[in-house]
């Protein structure tokens, strides 16, 4: 009996811990996207691809490196997490943003095709007042069929855009 009570208390505590962590994820506003970590981002991309296969819609990833505009007084630019917070405000509630340890962001854009990516990025960079940015994009089912392949394509193309001077988006074909 005592063991059962101990197990029930432990399970209850784990559930409370899980729910408190779960509540920390979510849109910052009614119209904003989700801010998630790298692990959840990968899971969401994989999940969306499975749904997109069944329901026949597109899913895009954009990997995005940004150098925010300085305040003009020599202060350092905002750290990546505050940039990620800003980005979520300009996305739909179905989209997600992850801030990676390498200093760039990934955007999961549900029901967005490769042809939509330039206009989405143009609106985003204009609102963020960026000095320099580089981006790479990929899309299910047009350029890749697996989440890892999409992410690899987007990261590689972001690196290519940065190496060629930035302020450009390359999309896998």
N, C-alpha and C. Protein backbone atom coordinates (compact mmCIF):
# COMPACT_ATOMS: atom_id res chain seq x y z
N UNK A 1 0.82 -1.19 0.00
CA UNK A 1 0.00 0.00 0.00
C UNK A 1 0.87 1.26 0.00
N UNK A 2 1.92 1.28 0.81
CA UNK A 2 2.79 2.44 0.91
C UNK A 2 3.54 2.65 -0.41
N UNK A 3 3.94 1.54 -1.05
CA UNK A 3 4.63 1.66 -2.33
C UNK A 3 3.70 2.25 -3.39
N UNK A 4 2.46 1.82 -3.39
CA UNK A 4 1.50 2.33 -4.37
C UNK A 4 1.27 3.83 -4.17
N UNK A 5 1.14 4.26 -2.93
CA UNK A 5 0.95 5.67 -2.62
C UNK A 5 2.17 6.48 -3.07
N UNK A 6 3.37 5.95 -2.83
CA UNK A 6 4.60 6.61 -3.25
C UNK A 6 4.66 6.74 -4.77
N UNK A 7 4.29 5.69 -5.48
CA UNK A 7 4.28 5.71 -6.95
C UNK A 7 3.27 6.72 -7.46
N UNK A 8 2.08 6.75 -6.87
CA UNK A 8 1.05 7.70 -7.30
C UNK A 8 1.51 9.14 -7.07
N UNK A 9 2.16 9.42 -5.93
CA UNK A 9 2.67 10.77 -5.67
C UNK A 9 3.76 11.16 -6.67
N UNK A 10 4.65 10.22 -6.96
CA UNK A 10 5.72 10.49 -7.94
C UNK A 10 5.12 10.77 -9.31
N UNK A 11 4.14 9.98 -9.71
CA UNK A 11 3.50 10.18 -11.01
C UNK A 11 2.78 11.52 -11.05
N UNK A 12 2.14 11.88 -9.97
CA UNK A 12 1.45 13.16 -9.91
C UNK A 12 2.44 14.31 -10.02
N UNK A 13 3.57 14.18 -9.33
CA UNK A 13 4.60 15.22 -9.40
C UNK A 13 5.18 15.35 -10.79
N UNK A 14 5.41 14.23 -11.47
CA UNK A 14 5.92 14.27 -12.84
C UNK A 14 4.91 14.92 -13.77
N UNK A 15 3.62 14.60 -13.56
CA UNK A 15 2.58 15.21 -14.40
C UNK A 15 2.55 16.72 -14.20
N UNK A 16 2.64 17.16 -12.93
CA UNK A 16 2.66 18.60 -12.65
C UNK A 16 3.87 19.26 -13.29
N UNK A 17 5.05 18.61 -13.20
CA UNK A 17 6.25 19.15 -13.80
C UNK A 17 6.09 19.23 -15.31
N UNK A 18 5.57 18.16 -15.92
CA UNK A 18 5.38 18.14 -17.37
C UNK A 18 4.42 19.24 -17.80
N UNK A 19 3.32 19.39 -17.09
CA UNK A 19 2.33 20.40 -17.47
C UNK A 19 2.89 21.81 -17.31
N UNK A 20 3.71 22.05 -16.28
CA UNK A 20 4.27 23.39 -16.13
C UNK A 20 5.26 23.68 -17.26
N UNK A 21 6.04 22.66 -17.66
CA UNK A 21 6.95 22.86 -18.79
C UNK A 21 6.15 23.04 -20.08
N UNK A 22 5.07 22.31 -20.25
CA UNK A 22 4.25 22.40 -21.45
C UNK A 22 3.65 23.79 -21.57
N UNK A 23 3.21 24.36 -20.44
CA UNK A 23 2.61 25.70 -20.49
C UNK A 23 3.63 26.77 -20.90
N UNK A 24 4.91 26.49 -20.73
CA UNK A 24 5.92 27.49 -21.09
C UNK A 24 6.07 27.61 -22.61
N UNK A 25 5.62 26.60 -23.37
CA UNK A 25 5.63 26.69 -24.81
C UNK A 25 4.31 27.30 -25.25
N UNK A 26 4.35 28.10 -26.27
CA UNK A 26 3.09 28.61 -26.77
C UNK A 26 3.27 29.91 -27.49
N UNK A 27 2.24 30.31 -28.21
CA UNK A 27 2.32 31.59 -28.92
C UNK A 27 2.46 32.73 -27.93
N UNK A 28 3.22 33.74 -28.31
CA UNK A 28 3.40 34.90 -27.45
C UNK A 28 2.19 35.82 -27.51
N UNK A 29 1.43 35.71 -28.59
CA UNK A 29 0.22 36.50 -28.72
C UNK A 29 -0.81 35.66 -29.46
N UNK A 30 -2.02 36.19 -29.59
CA UNK A 30 -3.06 35.43 -30.26
C UNK A 30 -2.71 35.11 -31.70
N UNK A 31 -2.01 36.00 -32.38
CA UNK A 31 -1.70 35.79 -33.78
C UNK A 31 -0.30 35.28 -34.03
N UNK A 32 0.50 35.10 -32.98
CA UNK A 32 1.91 34.77 -33.17
C UNK A 32 2.18 33.29 -33.28
N UNK A 33 3.40 32.99 -33.77
CA UNK A 33 3.84 31.61 -33.88
C UNK A 33 4.33 31.08 -32.55
N UNK A 34 4.72 29.85 -32.54
CA UNK A 34 5.20 29.16 -31.34
C UNK A 34 6.71 29.28 -31.25
N UNK A 35 7.22 29.57 -30.08
CA UNK A 35 8.65 29.59 -29.81
C UNK A 35 8.99 28.29 -29.11
N UNK A 36 9.82 27.45 -29.74
CA UNK A 36 10.13 26.13 -29.21
C UNK A 36 11.63 25.90 -29.20
N UNK A 37 12.07 24.84 -28.53
CA UNK A 37 13.49 24.51 -28.55
C UNK A 37 13.80 23.62 -29.76
N UNK A 38 15.08 23.28 -29.93
CA UNK A 38 15.52 22.51 -31.09
C UNK A 38 14.85 21.15 -31.17
N UNK A 39 14.75 20.48 -30.04
CA UNK A 39 14.18 19.13 -30.02
C UNK A 39 12.71 19.15 -30.43
N UNK A 40 11.95 20.06 -29.83
CA UNK A 40 10.53 20.16 -30.18
C UNK A 40 10.35 20.61 -31.62
N UNK A 41 11.23 21.48 -32.10
CA UNK A 41 11.15 21.93 -33.48
C UNK A 41 11.27 20.74 -34.44
N UNK A 42 12.27 19.89 -34.20
CA UNK A 42 12.45 18.71 -35.06
C UNK A 42 11.23 17.80 -35.00
N UNK A 43 10.67 17.63 -33.82
CA UNK A 43 9.47 16.81 -33.67
C UNK A 43 8.29 17.42 -34.43
N UNK A 44 8.12 18.73 -34.31
CA UNK A 44 7.02 19.39 -35.02
C UNK A 44 7.16 19.28 -36.53
N UNK A 45 8.38 19.43 -37.04
CA UNK A 45 8.59 19.30 -38.48
C UNK A 45 8.22 17.90 -38.94
N UNK A 46 8.68 16.90 -38.21
CA UNK A 46 8.37 15.52 -38.56
C UNK A 46 6.86 15.27 -38.50
N UNK A 47 6.22 15.77 -37.46
CA UNK A 47 4.77 15.63 -37.29
C UNK A 47 4.02 16.30 -38.44
N UNK A 48 4.42 17.52 -38.78
CA UNK A 48 3.74 18.24 -39.86
C UNK A 48 3.91 17.55 -41.21
N UNK A 49 5.08 16.96 -41.44
CA UNK A 49 5.29 16.24 -42.70
C UNK A 49 4.34 15.04 -42.78
N UNK A 50 4.19 14.32 -41.69
CA UNK A 50 3.26 13.18 -41.69
C UNK A 50 1.83 13.65 -41.95
N UNK A 51 1.42 14.75 -41.33
CA UNK A 51 0.08 15.29 -41.59
C UNK A 51 -0.04 15.76 -43.03
N UNK A 52 1.01 16.42 -43.52
CA UNK A 52 0.97 16.95 -44.90
C UNK A 52 0.89 15.82 -45.92
N UNK A 53 1.51 14.69 -45.65
CA UNK A 53 1.40 13.54 -46.55
C UNK A 53 -0.04 13.08 -46.65
N UNK A 54 -0.68 13.02 -45.51
CA UNK A 54 -2.06 12.54 -45.45
C UNK A 54 -3.05 13.56 -46.01
N UNK A 55 -2.86 14.83 -45.68
CA UNK A 55 -3.82 15.87 -46.06
C UNK A 55 -3.42 16.65 -47.31
N UNK A 56 -2.24 16.38 -47.84
CA UNK A 56 -1.75 16.96 -49.09
C UNK A 56 -1.61 18.48 -49.06
N UNK A 57 -0.73 18.95 -48.19
CA UNK A 57 -0.38 20.36 -48.18
C UNK A 57 1.14 20.48 -48.05
N UNK A 58 1.65 21.68 -48.20
CA UNK A 58 3.09 21.93 -48.16
C UNK A 58 3.53 22.39 -46.78
N UNK A 59 4.78 22.08 -46.45
CA UNK A 59 5.40 22.53 -45.21
C UNK A 59 6.79 23.05 -45.59
N UNK A 60 7.14 24.23 -45.13
CA UNK A 60 8.45 24.79 -45.45
C UNK A 60 9.25 25.07 -44.19
N UNK A 61 10.56 25.01 -44.35
CA UNK A 61 11.49 25.41 -43.30
C UNK A 61 12.37 26.52 -43.86
N UNK A 62 12.58 27.55 -43.07
CA UNK A 62 13.53 28.60 -43.41
C UNK A 62 14.53 28.68 -42.27
N UNK A 63 15.81 28.56 -42.57
CA UNK A 63 16.87 28.81 -41.59
C UNK A 63 17.39 30.21 -41.87
N UNK A 64 17.50 30.99 -40.81
CA UNK A 64 17.58 32.43 -40.93
C UNK A 64 18.64 32.97 -39.97
N UNK A 65 19.71 33.54 -40.50
CA UNK A 65 20.74 34.18 -39.68
C UNK A 65 20.57 35.69 -39.84
N UNK A 66 20.51 36.40 -38.72
CA UNK A 66 20.21 37.83 -38.74
C UNK A 66 21.23 38.60 -37.92
N UNK A 67 21.60 39.77 -38.42
CA UNK A 67 22.37 40.74 -37.65
C UNK A 67 21.44 41.92 -37.42
N UNK A 68 20.83 42.02 -36.23
CA UNK A 68 19.90 43.13 -35.96
C UNK A 68 20.58 44.48 -36.03
N UNK A 69 19.81 45.49 -36.36
CA UNK A 69 20.32 46.86 -36.39
C UNK A 69 20.72 47.28 -34.99
N UNK A 70 21.81 48.01 -34.88
CA UNK A 70 22.24 48.50 -33.56
C UNK A 70 21.42 49.72 -33.21
N UNK A 71 21.47 50.07 -31.95
CA UNK A 71 20.71 51.22 -31.47
C UNK A 71 21.36 52.53 -31.91
N UNK A 72 22.50 52.46 -32.59
CA UNK A 72 23.17 53.66 -33.04
C UNK A 72 24.13 54.25 -32.01
N UNK A 73 24.17 53.68 -30.83
CA UNK A 73 25.04 54.21 -29.79
C UNK A 73 26.15 53.21 -29.44
N UNK A 74 26.39 52.27 -30.34
CA UNK A 74 27.44 51.30 -30.13
C UNK A 74 27.07 50.13 -29.24
N UNK A 75 25.81 50.07 -28.81
CA UNK A 75 25.38 48.96 -27.96
C UNK A 75 25.34 47.67 -28.77
N UNK A 76 25.50 46.57 -28.08
CA UNK A 76 25.45 45.26 -28.73
C UNK A 76 24.05 44.99 -29.24
N UNK A 77 23.97 44.19 -30.29
CA UNK A 77 22.67 43.82 -30.84
C UNK A 77 21.96 42.88 -29.88
N UNK A 78 20.62 42.77 -29.99
CA UNK A 78 19.86 41.92 -29.07
C UNK A 78 20.27 40.45 -29.21
N UNK A 79 20.23 39.69 -28.13
CA UNK A 79 20.55 38.28 -28.22
C UNK A 79 19.51 37.51 -29.01
N UNK A 80 19.89 36.33 -29.50
CA UNK A 80 19.01 35.52 -30.35
C UNK A 80 17.65 35.23 -29.72
N UNK A 81 17.53 34.92 -28.42
CA UNK A 81 16.20 34.65 -27.89
C UNK A 81 15.23 35.82 -28.04
N UNK A 82 15.69 37.07 -27.83
CA UNK A 82 14.77 38.19 -28.00
C UNK A 82 14.43 38.38 -29.47
N UNK A 83 15.36 38.06 -30.35
CA UNK A 83 15.07 38.10 -31.79
C UNK A 83 14.02 37.05 -32.13
N UNK A 84 14.15 35.85 -31.55
CA UNK A 84 13.17 34.80 -31.79
C UNK A 84 11.80 35.23 -31.29
N UNK A 85 11.75 35.90 -30.13
CA UNK A 85 10.48 36.41 -29.61
C UNK A 85 9.86 37.38 -30.61
N UNK A 86 10.69 38.26 -31.17
CA UNK A 86 10.20 39.24 -32.14
C UNK A 86 9.65 38.56 -33.39
N UNK A 87 10.36 37.55 -33.86
CA UNK A 87 9.94 36.86 -35.09
C UNK A 87 8.58 36.21 -34.90
N UNK A 88 8.34 35.60 -33.74
CA UNK A 88 7.06 34.90 -33.54
C UNK A 88 5.86 35.83 -33.67
N UNK A 89 6.04 37.09 -33.36
CA UNK A 89 4.93 38.04 -33.45
C UNK A 89 4.44 38.26 -34.87
N UNK A 90 5.30 37.97 -35.84
CA UNK A 90 4.96 38.22 -37.24
C UNK A 90 4.58 36.95 -37.99
N UNK A 91 4.40 35.85 -37.27
CA UNK A 91 4.02 34.59 -37.89
C UNK A 91 2.61 34.20 -37.49
N UNK A 92 2.09 33.20 -38.19
CA UNK A 92 0.75 32.69 -37.88
C UNK A 92 0.82 31.74 -36.68
N UNK A 93 -0.31 31.50 -36.06
CA UNK A 93 -0.39 30.61 -34.92
C UNK A 93 -0.04 29.17 -35.24
N UNK A 94 -0.03 28.79 -36.50
CA UNK A 94 0.32 27.43 -36.90
C UNK A 94 1.82 27.26 -37.12
N UNK A 95 2.58 28.35 -37.12
CA UNK A 95 4.01 28.31 -37.40
C UNK A 95 4.83 28.23 -36.11
N UNK A 96 6.09 27.82 -36.25
CA UNK A 96 6.97 27.70 -35.08
C UNK A 96 8.34 28.27 -35.38
N UNK A 97 9.02 28.74 -34.32
CA UNK A 97 10.36 29.30 -34.42
C UNK A 97 11.23 28.62 -33.37
N UNK A 98 12.44 28.23 -33.79
CA UNK A 98 13.42 27.68 -32.85
C UNK A 98 14.69 28.50 -32.96
N UNK A 99 15.27 28.82 -31.80
CA UNK A 99 16.55 29.51 -31.74
C UNK A 99 17.61 28.45 -31.48
N UNK A 100 18.58 28.32 -32.39
CA UNK A 100 19.58 27.27 -32.31
C UNK A 100 20.83 27.78 -31.60
N UNK A 101 21.56 26.87 -31.02
CA UNK A 101 22.79 27.21 -30.29
C UNK A 101 23.81 27.89 -31.20
N UNK A 102 23.78 27.60 -32.48
CA UNK A 102 24.73 28.19 -33.43
C UNK A 102 24.41 29.66 -33.72
N UNK A 103 23.31 30.19 -33.19
CA UNK A 103 23.00 31.60 -33.34
C UNK A 103 22.04 31.95 -34.46
N UNK A 104 21.40 30.96 -35.06
CA UNK A 104 20.43 31.25 -36.10
C UNK A 104 19.06 30.72 -35.71
N UNK A 105 18.06 31.11 -36.46
CA UNK A 105 16.68 30.72 -36.20
C UNK A 105 16.19 29.77 -37.29
N UNK A 106 15.27 28.92 -36.93
CA UNK A 106 14.56 28.09 -37.91
C UNK A 106 13.08 28.43 -37.82
N UNK A 107 12.46 28.57 -38.96
CA UNK A 107 11.03 28.84 -39.02
C UNK A 107 10.34 27.63 -39.65
N UNK A 108 9.31 27.13 -39.03
CA UNK A 108 8.46 26.09 -39.59
C UNK A 108 7.22 26.80 -40.09
N UNK A 109 7.01 26.78 -41.38
CA UNK A 109 5.89 27.49 -42.00
C UNK A 109 4.92 26.46 -42.58
N UNK A 110 3.79 26.30 -41.92
CA UNK A 110 2.80 25.31 -42.33
C UNK A 110 1.97 25.86 -43.48
N UNK A 111 1.77 25.03 -44.48
CA UNK A 111 0.99 25.37 -45.68
C UNK A 111 1.62 26.55 -46.44
N UNK A 112 2.94 26.54 -46.52
CA UNK A 112 3.68 27.55 -47.29
C UNK A 112 4.58 26.82 -48.28
N UNK A 113 4.51 27.20 -49.52
CA UNK A 113 5.34 26.59 -50.56
C UNK A 113 6.59 27.44 -50.80
N UNK A 114 7.51 26.92 -51.58
CA UNK A 114 8.75 27.64 -51.86
C UNK A 114 8.48 29.00 -52.51
N UNK A 115 7.42 29.10 -53.28
CA UNK A 115 7.10 30.37 -53.94
C UNK A 115 6.66 31.45 -52.94
N UNK A 116 6.21 31.04 -51.75
CA UNK A 116 5.79 31.99 -50.72
C UNK A 116 6.95 32.53 -49.88
N UNK A 117 8.05 31.82 -49.86
CA UNK A 117 9.15 32.15 -48.94
C UNK A 117 9.75 33.54 -49.17
N UNK A 118 10.01 33.97 -50.41
CA UNK A 118 10.57 35.32 -50.58
C UNK A 118 9.69 36.43 -50.01
N UNK A 119 8.39 36.37 -50.21
CA UNK A 119 7.52 37.44 -49.69
C UNK A 119 7.42 37.36 -48.17
N UNK A 120 7.40 36.16 -47.60
CA UNK A 120 7.37 36.02 -46.13
C UNK A 120 8.63 36.63 -45.54
N UNK A 121 9.77 36.29 -46.11
CA UNK A 121 11.04 36.79 -45.59
C UNK A 121 11.18 38.31 -45.80
N UNK A 122 10.69 38.81 -46.89
CA UNK A 122 10.75 40.26 -47.15
C UNK A 122 9.96 41.01 -46.08
N UNK A 123 8.76 40.55 -45.77
CA UNK A 123 7.95 41.21 -44.72
C UNK A 123 8.63 41.10 -43.37
N UNK A 124 9.20 39.94 -43.07
CA UNK A 124 9.84 39.71 -41.78
C UNK A 124 11.07 40.60 -41.59
N UNK A 125 11.95 40.65 -42.58
CA UNK A 125 13.17 41.46 -42.44
C UNK A 125 12.85 42.95 -42.39
N UNK A 126 11.82 43.39 -43.08
CA UNK A 126 11.43 44.80 -43.03
C UNK A 126 10.95 45.17 -41.62
N UNK A 127 10.19 44.29 -41.00
CA UNK A 127 9.67 44.57 -39.66
C UNK A 127 10.74 44.47 -38.58
N UNK A 128 11.76 43.64 -38.80
CA UNK A 128 12.81 43.46 -37.80
C UNK A 128 13.91 44.50 -37.92
N UNK A 129 13.90 45.31 -38.96
CA UNK A 129 14.92 46.34 -39.18
C UNK A 129 16.32 45.75 -39.11
N UNK A 130 16.56 44.73 -39.89
CA UNK A 130 17.85 44.06 -39.88
C UNK A 130 18.87 44.76 -40.76
N UNK A 131 20.11 44.66 -40.38
CA UNK A 131 21.21 45.19 -41.18
C UNK A 131 21.61 44.16 -42.23
N UNK A 132 21.83 42.95 -41.79
CA UNK A 132 22.24 41.88 -42.69
C UNK A 132 21.55 40.58 -42.29
N UNK A 133 21.20 39.80 -43.27
CA UNK A 133 20.56 38.52 -43.00
C UNK A 133 20.92 37.55 -44.12
N UNK A 134 20.81 36.29 -43.83
CA UNK A 134 21.03 35.22 -44.80
C UNK A 134 20.03 34.14 -44.50
N UNK A 135 19.47 33.54 -45.54
CA UNK A 135 18.44 32.52 -45.31
C UNK A 135 18.50 31.43 -46.36
N UNK A 136 18.09 30.26 -45.92
CA UNK A 136 17.95 29.11 -46.81
C UNK A 136 16.61 28.47 -46.53
N UNK A 137 15.98 27.96 -47.58
CA UNK A 137 14.66 27.37 -47.41
C UNK A 137 14.51 26.05 -48.12
N UNK A 138 13.61 25.25 -47.63
CA UNK A 138 13.26 23.98 -48.26
C UNK A 138 11.78 23.72 -48.02
N UNK A 139 11.22 22.80 -48.79
CA UNK A 139 9.78 22.59 -48.73
C UNK A 139 9.42 21.13 -48.97
N UNK A 140 8.52 20.62 -48.14
CA UNK A 140 7.91 19.32 -48.39
C UNK A 140 6.66 19.59 -49.21
N UNK A 141 6.38 18.89 -50.26
CA UNK A 141 7.08 17.76 -50.85
C UNK A 141 7.99 18.15 -52.01
N UNK A 142 8.09 19.44 -52.30
CA UNK A 142 8.80 19.87 -53.49
C UNK A 142 10.30 19.56 -53.47
N UNK A 143 10.98 19.83 -52.34
CA UNK A 143 12.44 19.67 -52.33
C UNK A 143 12.95 18.54 -51.45
N UNK A 144 12.13 18.05 -50.54
CA UNK A 144 12.55 16.96 -49.66
C UNK A 144 11.32 16.26 -49.10
N UNK A 145 11.50 15.00 -48.71
CA UNK A 145 10.38 14.24 -48.15
C UNK A 145 10.58 13.87 -46.69
N UNK A 146 11.75 14.19 -46.14
CA UNK A 146 12.04 13.89 -44.72
C UNK A 146 12.44 15.16 -44.00
N UNK A 147 12.11 15.22 -42.72
CA UNK A 147 12.41 16.41 -41.91
C UNK A 147 13.90 16.71 -41.88
N UNK A 148 14.73 15.70 -41.67
CA UNK A 148 16.18 15.91 -41.59
C UNK A 148 16.73 16.44 -42.91
N UNK A 149 16.21 15.95 -44.04
CA UNK A 149 16.67 16.43 -45.34
C UNK A 149 16.27 17.89 -45.55
N UNK A 150 15.07 18.25 -45.12
CA UNK A 150 14.63 19.64 -45.25
C UNK A 150 15.53 20.56 -44.43
N UNK A 151 15.80 20.17 -43.20
CA UNK A 151 16.62 21.00 -42.32
C UNK A 151 18.05 21.12 -42.87
N UNK A 152 18.60 20.03 -43.36
CA UNK A 152 19.96 20.06 -43.92
C UNK A 152 20.00 20.98 -45.15
N UNK A 153 19.01 20.88 -46.04
CA UNK A 153 18.95 21.75 -47.21
C UNK A 153 18.91 23.22 -46.80
N UNK A 154 18.03 23.54 -45.86
CA UNK A 154 17.87 24.93 -45.44
C UNK A 154 19.14 25.48 -44.78
N UNK A 155 19.79 24.68 -43.94
CA UNK A 155 21.03 25.12 -43.28
C UNK A 155 22.14 25.32 -44.31
N UNK A 156 22.29 24.37 -45.24
CA UNK A 156 23.32 24.49 -46.27
C UNK A 156 23.11 25.73 -47.14
N UNK A 157 21.87 25.99 -47.50
CA UNK A 157 21.58 27.16 -48.35
C UNK A 157 21.73 28.47 -47.58
N UNK A 158 21.44 28.46 -46.28
CA UNK A 158 21.68 29.64 -45.46
C UNK A 158 23.18 29.95 -45.44
N UNK A 159 23.99 28.92 -45.28
CA UNK A 159 25.45 29.10 -45.30
C UNK A 159 25.94 29.64 -46.63
N UNK A 160 25.37 29.14 -47.72
CA UNK A 160 25.73 29.62 -49.06
C UNK A 160 25.36 31.10 -49.21
N UNK A 161 24.16 31.47 -48.75
CA UNK A 161 23.73 32.87 -48.84
C UNK A 161 24.65 33.78 -48.05
N UNK A 162 25.07 33.33 -46.87
CA UNK A 162 25.97 34.12 -46.03
C UNK A 162 27.34 34.26 -46.69
N UNK A 163 27.84 33.16 -47.27
CA UNK A 163 29.15 33.16 -47.92
C UNK A 163 29.17 34.07 -49.15
N UNK A 164 28.02 34.26 -49.77
CA UNK A 164 27.94 35.09 -50.98
C UNK A 164 27.49 36.51 -50.67
N UNK A 165 27.68 36.94 -49.44
CA UNK A 165 27.45 38.35 -49.12
C UNK A 165 26.19 38.63 -48.32
N UNK A 166 25.34 37.67 -48.11
CA UNK A 166 24.13 37.88 -47.30
C UNK A 166 23.04 38.65 -48.02
N UNK A 167 22.02 39.01 -47.24
CA UNK A 167 20.83 39.71 -47.73
C UNK A 167 20.21 38.99 -48.92
N UNK A 168 20.16 37.67 -48.80
CA UNK A 168 19.54 36.87 -49.85
C UNK A 168 18.98 35.59 -49.28
N UNK A 169 18.05 35.04 -50.01
CA UNK A 169 17.42 33.76 -49.69
C UNK A 169 17.68 32.79 -50.81
N UNK A 170 18.18 31.63 -50.47
CA UNK A 170 18.30 30.54 -51.44
C UNK A 170 17.32 29.47 -51.05
N UNK A 171 16.58 28.97 -52.02
CA UNK A 171 15.59 27.93 -51.78
C UNK A 171 15.98 26.69 -52.56
N UNK A 172 15.90 25.54 -51.92
CA UNK A 172 16.24 24.28 -52.59
C UNK A 172 15.31 24.07 -53.78
N UNK A 173 15.86 23.43 -54.78
CA UNK A 173 15.04 23.13 -55.97
C UNK A 173 15.12 21.68 -56.34
